[in-house]
C-alpha atoms as a PDB file:
ATOM      1  CA  MET A   1       0.025  -0.205  -0.035  1.00  0.00           C
ATOM      2  CA  SER A   2       0.910   3.516  -0.660  1.00  0.00           C
ATOM      3  CA  TYR A   3      -0.005   7.035   0.418  1.00  0.00           C
ATOM      4  CA  ASN A   4       0.213  10.467  -1.080  1.00  0.00           C
ATOM      5  CA  VAL A   5       2.579  12.847   0.393  1.00  0.00           C
ATOM      6  CA  LYS A   6       2.032  16.569   0.833  1.00  0.00           C
ATOM      7  CA  ILE A   7       4.944  18.767   0.476  1.00  0.00           C
ATOM      8  CA  THR A   8       4.710  22.371   1.776  1.00  0.00           C
ATOM      9  CA  VAL A   9       7.475  25.043   1.355  1.00  0.00           C
ATOM     10  CA  VAL A  10       7.759  26.376   4.952  1.00  0.00           C
ATOM     11  CA  LYS A  11      10.877  28.528   4.891  1.00  0.00           C
ATOM     12  CA  GLN A  12      13.043  30.109   2.198  1.00  0.00           C
ATOM     13  CA  PHE A  13      16.482  31.528   3.032  1.00  0.00           C
ATOM     14  CA  GLU A  14      18.530  34.007   0.992  1.00  0.00           C
ATOM     15  CA  PRO A  15      22.357  34.118   1.134  1.00  0.00           C
ATOM     16  CA  LYS A  16      22.436  37.042   3.567  1.00  0.00           C
ATOM     17  CA  ASP A  17      20.630  34.672   6.031  1.00  0.00           C
ATOM     18  CA  VAL A  18      23.235  31.872   5.574  1.00  0.00           C
ATOM     19  CA  ILE A  19      26.527  33.610   5.088  1.00  0.00           C
ATOM     20  CA  GLY A  20      25.767  36.960   6.569  1.00  0.00           C
ATOM     21  CA  GLU A  21      26.433  38.917   3.372  1.00  0.00           C
ATOM     22  CA  ASP A  22      24.872  38.953  -0.043  1.00  0.00           C
ATOM     23  CA  PHE A  23      26.334  36.490  -2.596  1.00  0.00           C
ATOM     24  CA  ILE A  24      27.450  38.094  -5.709  1.00  0.00           C
ATOM     25  CA  ARG A  25      28.418  35.859  -8.816  1.00  0.00           C
ATOM     26  CA  GLU A  26      31.329  36.530 -10.731  1.00  0.00           C
ATOM     27  CA  SER A  27      29.325  38.129 -13.531  1.00  0.00           C
ATOM     28  CA  GLY A  28      28.068  40.785 -10.919  1.00  0.00           C
ATOM     29  CA  LYS A  29      24.607  39.396 -10.548  1.00  0.00           C
ATOM     30  CA  PRO A  30      23.474  38.619  -7.057  1.00  0.00           C
ATOM     31  CA  ILE A  31      22.148  35.146  -6.259  1.00  0.00           C
ATOM     32  CA  THR A  32      18.528  35.677  -4.664  1.00  0.00           C
ATOM     33  CA  LYS A  33      15.934  33.448  -2.871  1.00  0.00           C
ATOM     34  CA  CYS A  34      15.013  30.404  -4.600  1.00  0.00           C
ATOM     35  CA  PHE A  35      12.050  30.541  -6.951  1.00  0.00           C
ATOM     36  CA  MET A  36       9.925  28.347  -4.678  1.00  0.00           C
ATOM     37  CA  LYS A  37       7.480  30.307  -2.732  1.00  0.00           C
ATOM     38  CA  GLU A  38       6.548  29.719   1.193  1.00  0.00           C
ATOM     39  CA  ASN A  39       3.260  28.097   1.743  1.00  0.00           C
ATOM     40  CA  LYS A  40       3.210  26.572  -1.672  1.00  0.00           C
ATOM     41  CA  GLU A  41       2.001  23.006  -1.431  1.00  0.00           C
ATOM     42  CA  PHE A  42       2.670  19.971  -3.950  1.00  0.00           C
ATOM     43  CA  ILE A  43       1.277  16.587  -3.828  1.00  0.00           C
ATOM     44  CA  VAL A  44       3.264  13.466  -4.751  1.00  0.00           C
ATOM     45  CA  GLY A  45       0.762  10.860  -5.914  1.00  0.00           C
ATOM     46  CA  ASP A  46       0.617   7.073  -6.725  1.00  0.00           C
ATOM     47  CA  THR A  47       3.603   7.187  -9.408  1.00  0.00           C
ATOM     48  CA  GLY A  48       6.037   9.072  -6.712  1.00  0.00           C
ATOM     49  CA  ASP A  49       6.997  11.275  -9.581  1.00  0.00           C
ATOM     50  CA  MET A  50       8.454  14.697  -8.671  1.00  0.00           C
ATOM     51  CA  PRO A  51       5.554  17.157  -8.645  1.00  0.00           C
ATOM     52  CA  GLU A  52       5.271  19.494 -11.511  1.00  0.00           C
ATOM     53  CA  GLY A  53       7.111  22.790 -11.148  1.00  0.00           C
ATOM     54  CA  PHE A  54       9.102  21.328  -8.191  1.00  0.00           C
ATOM     55  CA  CYS A  55      12.917  22.128  -8.098  1.00  0.00           C
ATOM     56  CA  HIS A  56      15.118  19.217  -9.145  1.00  0.00           C
ATOM     57  CA  HIS A  57      17.727  20.232  -6.682  1.00  0.00           C
ATOM     58  CA  ALA A  58      15.301  20.139  -3.769  1.00  0.00           C
ATOM     59  CA  TRP A  59      13.663  16.818  -4.876  1.00  0.00           C
ATOM     60  CA  TYR A  60      17.144  15.127  -4.597  1.00  0.00           C
ATOM     61  CA  GLY A  61      17.346  16.436  -1.017  1.00  0.00           C
ATOM     62  CA  ILE A  62      13.817  15.227   0.243  1.00  0.00           C
ATOM     63  CA  TYR A  63      13.122  12.268  -2.061  1.00  0.00           C
ATOM     64  CA  LYS A  64      14.170   9.521   0.347  1.00  0.00           C
ATOM     65  CA  SER A  65      11.856  11.056   3.051  1.00  0.00           C
ATOM     66  CA  VAL A  66       9.114  11.418   0.852  1.00  0.00           C
ATOM     67  CA  GLU A  67       9.476   7.542  -0.399  1.00  0.00           C
ATOM     68  CA  PHE A  68       9.590   6.680   3.366  1.00  0.00           C
ATOM     69  CA  LEU A  69       6.342   8.254   3.989  1.00  0.00           C
ATOM     70  CA  LYS A  70       4.923   7.073   0.852  1.00  0.00           C
ATOM     71  CA  TYR A  71       5.291   3.490   1.800  1.00  0.00           C
ATOM     72  CA  GLY A  72       4.224   3.656   5.519  1.00  0.00           C
ATOM     73  CA  GLY A  73       7.276   4.402   7.258  1.00  0.00           C
ATOM     74  CA  LEU A  74       6.802   5.317  10.935  1.00  0.00           C
ATOM     75  CA  VAL A  75       8.430   8.418  12.666  1.00  0.00           C
ATOM     76  CA  LYS A  76       8.053   8.236  16.506  1.00  0.00           C
ATOM     77  CA  ASP A  77       9.281  11.871  17.482  1.00  0.00           C
ATOM     78  CA  TRP A  78       8.123  15.346  18.103  1.00  0.00           C
ATOM     79  CA  THR A  79       6.714  15.831  14.234  1.00  0.00           C
ATOM     80  CA  GLY A  80       4.121  12.884  14.720  1.00  0.00           C
ATOM     81  CA  GLU A  81       3.981   9.610  12.865  1.00  0.00           C
ATOM     82  CA  ASN A  82       2.885  11.092   9.439  1.00  0.00           C
ATOM     83  CA  THR A  83       5.205  14.206   9.334  1.00  0.00           C
ATOM     84  CA  LEU A  84       8.870  14.698   8.376  1.00  0.00           C
ATOM     85  CA  TYR A  85      11.017  17.913   7.595  1.00  0.00           C
ATOM     86  CA  GLY A  86      13.563  18.209   4.850  1.00  0.00           C
ATOM     87  CA  VAL A  87      15.777  20.608   3.246  1.00  0.00           C
ATOM     88  CA  CYS A  88      17.009  21.438   0.005  1.00  0.00           C
ATOM     89  CA  PRO A  89      20.763  21.011  -0.288  1.00  0.00           C
ATOM     90  CA  ASP A  90      21.539  24.350  -1.733  1.00  0.00           C
ATOM     91  CA  GLY A  91      24.068  25.867   0.770  1.00  0.00           C
ATOM     92  CA  ILE A  92      23.503  29.251  -0.270  1.00  0.00           C
ATOM     93  CA  ARG A  93      19.748  29.642  -0.351  1.00  0.00           C
ATOM     94  CA  PRO A  94      18.242  26.541   1.281  1.00  0.00           C
ATOM     95  CA  VAL A  95      14.607  25.800   1.569  1.00  0.00           C
ATOM     96  CA  ILE A  96      12.791  24.143   4.373  1.00  0.00           C
ATOM     97  CA  PHE A  97       9.901  21.409   3.561  1.00  0.00           C
ATOM     98  CA  LYS A  98       7.203  19.852   5.518  1.00  0.00           C
ATOM     99  CA  LEU A  99       6.393  16.315   4.394  1.00  0.00           C
ATOM    100  CA  GLU A 100       3.088  14.951   5.257  1.00  0.00           C
ATOM    101  CA  ARG A 101       1.676  11.379   4.711  1.00  0.00           C
ATOM    102  CA  ILE A 102      -1.995  12.111   3.589  1.00  0.00           C
END
């Protein structure tokens, strides 16, 4: 049996939040927050595929946790049995996600 998993964008960080200053590329263009907006929700359905419009880099970071919830894995900690949190591995502008088995 498998379940759907809801992914919610909880928090975005910009370079200044992470390294204490703006991050400017060699081209002179600043790196800004990720395009994924806070409170945006995505559903991972039966196929387990990455949701449309989701970031590939972020998907790489949370995929194992999504699969864990999707196939009934139980978490016995403060988040509850059906909820995990994950993070995009972008070290300059990470994004935090709430993952919920629904």
